[in-house]
Amino acid sequence: MEGKDFVSPENVLGIAKSVLAHRVILSYEAIIDKVDVRDVVYEIASENL
């Protein structure tokens, strides 16, 4: 948090991949297409911030 008293959207995006990736289950099609679950999590998080 770099000495701040609050969390910024950038802080959340910085950890979203690591924290949330294990909670997402990809479809078989996504697995075959070699979609990276961490990229999916990042895209969803960045759309909503």
N, C-alpha and C. Protein backbone atom coordinates (compact mmCIF):
# COMPACT_ATOMS: atom_id res chain seq x y z
N MET A 1 0.82 -1.20 0.00
CA MET A 1 0.00 0.00 0.00
C MET A 1 0.86 1.25 0.00
N GLU A 2 2.14 1.09 0.04
CA GLU A 2 3.07 2.20 -0.14
C GLU A 2 2.85 3.34 0.86
N GLY A 3 2.56 3.02 2.10
CA GLY A 3 2.41 4.03 3.13
C GLY A 3 1.07 4.75 3.17
N LYS A 4 0.12 4.32 2.35
CA LYS A 4 -1.20 4.96 2.33
C LYS A 4 -2.10 4.33 3.39
N ASP A 5 -3.14 5.07 3.76
CA ASP A 5 -4.12 4.59 4.73
C ASP A 5 -5.33 3.96 4.05
N PHE A 6 -5.28 3.80 2.75
CA PHE A 6 -6.41 3.26 2.00
C PHE A 6 -5.90 2.39 0.86
N VAL A 7 -6.78 1.62 0.29
CA VAL A 7 -6.44 0.76 -0.84
C VAL A 7 -6.99 1.39 -2.11
N SER A 8 -6.15 1.50 -3.11
CA SER A 8 -6.57 2.08 -4.39
C SER A 8 -6.99 0.97 -5.35
N PRO A 9 -7.72 1.30 -6.39
CA PRO A 9 -8.07 0.29 -7.40
C PRO A 9 -6.84 -0.40 -7.99
N GLU A 10 -5.77 0.32 -8.14
CA GLU A 10 -4.54 -0.27 -8.67
C GLU A 10 -3.99 -1.33 -7.72
N ASN A 11 -4.12 -1.10 -6.41
CA ASN A 11 -3.70 -2.11 -5.43
C ASN A 11 -4.52 -3.38 -5.58
N VAL A 12 -5.81 -3.21 -5.77
CA VAL A 12 -6.70 -4.37 -5.92
C VAL A 12 -6.36 -5.14 -7.19
N LEU A 13 -6.17 -4.43 -8.30
CA LEU A 13 -5.82 -5.10 -9.55
C LEU A 13 -4.47 -5.81 -9.44
N GLY A 14 -3.58 -5.26 -8.67
CA GLY A 14 -2.26 -5.85 -8.51
C GLY A 14 -2.28 -7.22 -7.85
N ILE A 15 -3.27 -7.47 -7.02
CA ILE A 15 -3.33 -8.77 -6.33
C ILE A 15 -4.48 -9.66 -6.79
N ALA A 16 -5.35 -9.12 -7.63
CA ALA A 16 -6.55 -9.87 -8.05
C ALA A 16 -6.20 -11.20 -8.69
N LYS A 17 -5.20 -11.22 -9.57
CA LYS A 17 -4.86 -12.47 -10.25
C LYS A 17 -4.47 -13.56 -9.26
N SER A 18 -3.62 -13.21 -8.33
CA SER A 18 -3.14 -14.20 -7.37
C SER A 18 -4.22 -14.65 -6.40
N VAL A 19 -5.05 -13.73 -5.99
CA VAL A 19 -6.03 -14.02 -4.95
C VAL A 19 -7.27 -14.72 -5.49
N LEU A 20 -7.71 -14.36 -6.68
CA LEU A 20 -8.99 -14.86 -7.18
C LEU A 20 -8.88 -15.97 -8.23
N ALA A 21 -7.74 -16.17 -8.81
CA ALA A 21 -7.60 -17.12 -9.93
C ALA A 21 -8.02 -18.53 -9.54
N HIS A 22 -7.75 -18.94 -8.32
CA HIS A 22 -8.09 -20.31 -7.92
C HIS A 22 -9.60 -20.51 -7.74
N ARG A 23 -10.36 -19.42 -7.77
CA ARG A 23 -11.81 -19.51 -7.57
C ARG A 23 -12.58 -19.64 -8.88
N VAL A 24 -11.88 -19.52 -10.02
CA VAL A 24 -12.53 -19.53 -11.33
C VAL A 24 -12.32 -20.89 -11.98
N ILE A 25 -13.39 -21.45 -12.52
CA ILE A 25 -13.31 -22.70 -13.25
C ILE A 25 -13.59 -22.39 -14.72
N LEU A 26 -12.61 -22.68 -15.55
CA LEU A 26 -12.74 -22.43 -16.98
C LEU A 26 -13.56 -23.52 -17.65
N SER A 27 -14.20 -23.16 -18.75
CA SER A 27 -14.93 -24.16 -19.54
C SER A 27 -13.91 -25.04 -20.27
N TYR A 28 -14.40 -26.17 -20.76
CA TYR A 28 -13.51 -27.06 -21.52
C TYR A 28 -12.97 -26.36 -22.77
N GLU A 29 -13.82 -25.54 -23.39
CA GLU A 29 -13.38 -24.80 -24.57
C GLU A 29 -12.23 -23.85 -24.23
N ALA A 30 -12.34 -23.17 -23.11
CA ALA A 30 -11.29 -22.24 -22.70
C ALA A 30 -10.00 -23.00 -22.39
N ILE A 31 -10.12 -24.16 -21.78
CA ILE A 31 -8.93 -24.95 -21.48
C ILE A 31 -8.25 -25.39 -22.77
N ILE A 32 -9.04 -25.86 -23.72
CA ILE A 32 -8.49 -26.28 -25.01
C ILE A 32 -7.83 -25.11 -25.72
N ASP A 33 -8.42 -23.93 -25.61
CA ASP A 33 -7.86 -22.73 -26.25
C ASP A 33 -6.71 -22.12 -25.46
N LYS A 34 -6.34 -22.78 -24.35
CA LYS A 34 -5.23 -22.35 -23.50
C LYS A 34 -5.42 -20.94 -22.94
N VAL A 35 -6.65 -20.65 -22.52
CA VAL A 35 -6.96 -19.37 -21.88
C VAL A 35 -6.34 -19.39 -20.48
N ASP A 36 -5.67 -18.32 -20.12
CA ASP A 36 -5.06 -18.21 -18.79
C ASP A 36 -6.09 -17.64 -17.82
N VAL A 37 -6.40 -18.40 -16.79
CA VAL A 37 -7.42 -17.99 -15.83
C VAL A 37 -7.06 -16.66 -15.17
N ARG A 38 -5.78 -16.40 -14.97
CA ARG A 38 -5.36 -15.13 -14.35
C ARG A 38 -5.71 -13.94 -15.25
N ASP A 39 -5.63 -14.13 -16.57
CA ASP A 39 -6.01 -13.06 -17.49
C ASP A 39 -7.52 -12.80 -17.44
N VAL A 40 -8.30 -13.86 -17.31
CA VAL A 40 -9.75 -13.72 -17.20
C VAL A 40 -10.11 -12.93 -15.95
N VAL A 41 -9.49 -13.28 -14.83
CA VAL A 41 -9.74 -12.58 -13.56
C VAL A 41 -9.37 -11.11 -13.70
N TYR A 42 -8.24 -10.82 -14.29
CA TYR A 42 -7.78 -9.44 -14.44
C TYR A 42 -8.75 -8.64 -15.32
N GLU A 43 -9.21 -9.24 -16.41
CA GLU A 43 -10.14 -8.54 -17.28
C GLU A 43 -11.44 -8.22 -16.56
N ILE A 44 -11.97 -9.17 -15.83
CA ILE A 44 -13.22 -8.94 -15.09
C ILE A 44 -13.01 -7.87 -14.03
N ALA A 45 -11.93 -7.95 -13.29
CA ALA A 45 -11.67 -6.97 -12.22
C ALA A 45 -11.46 -5.58 -12.80
N SER A 46 -10.74 -5.48 -13.90
CA SER A 46 -10.46 -4.15 -14.45
C SER A 46 -11.70 -3.50 -15.08
N GLU A 47 -12.66 -4.31 -15.53
CA GLU A 47 -13.91 -3.76 -16.06
C GLU A 47 -14.76 -3.12 -14.98
N ASN A 48 -14.64 -3.62 -13.77
CA ASN A 48 -15.52 -3.19 -12.69
C ASN A 48 -14.89 -2.17 -11.74
N LEU A 49 -13.69 -1.73 -12.05
CA LEU A 49 -13.07 -0.72 -11.17
C LEU A 49 -13.04 0.62 -11.83
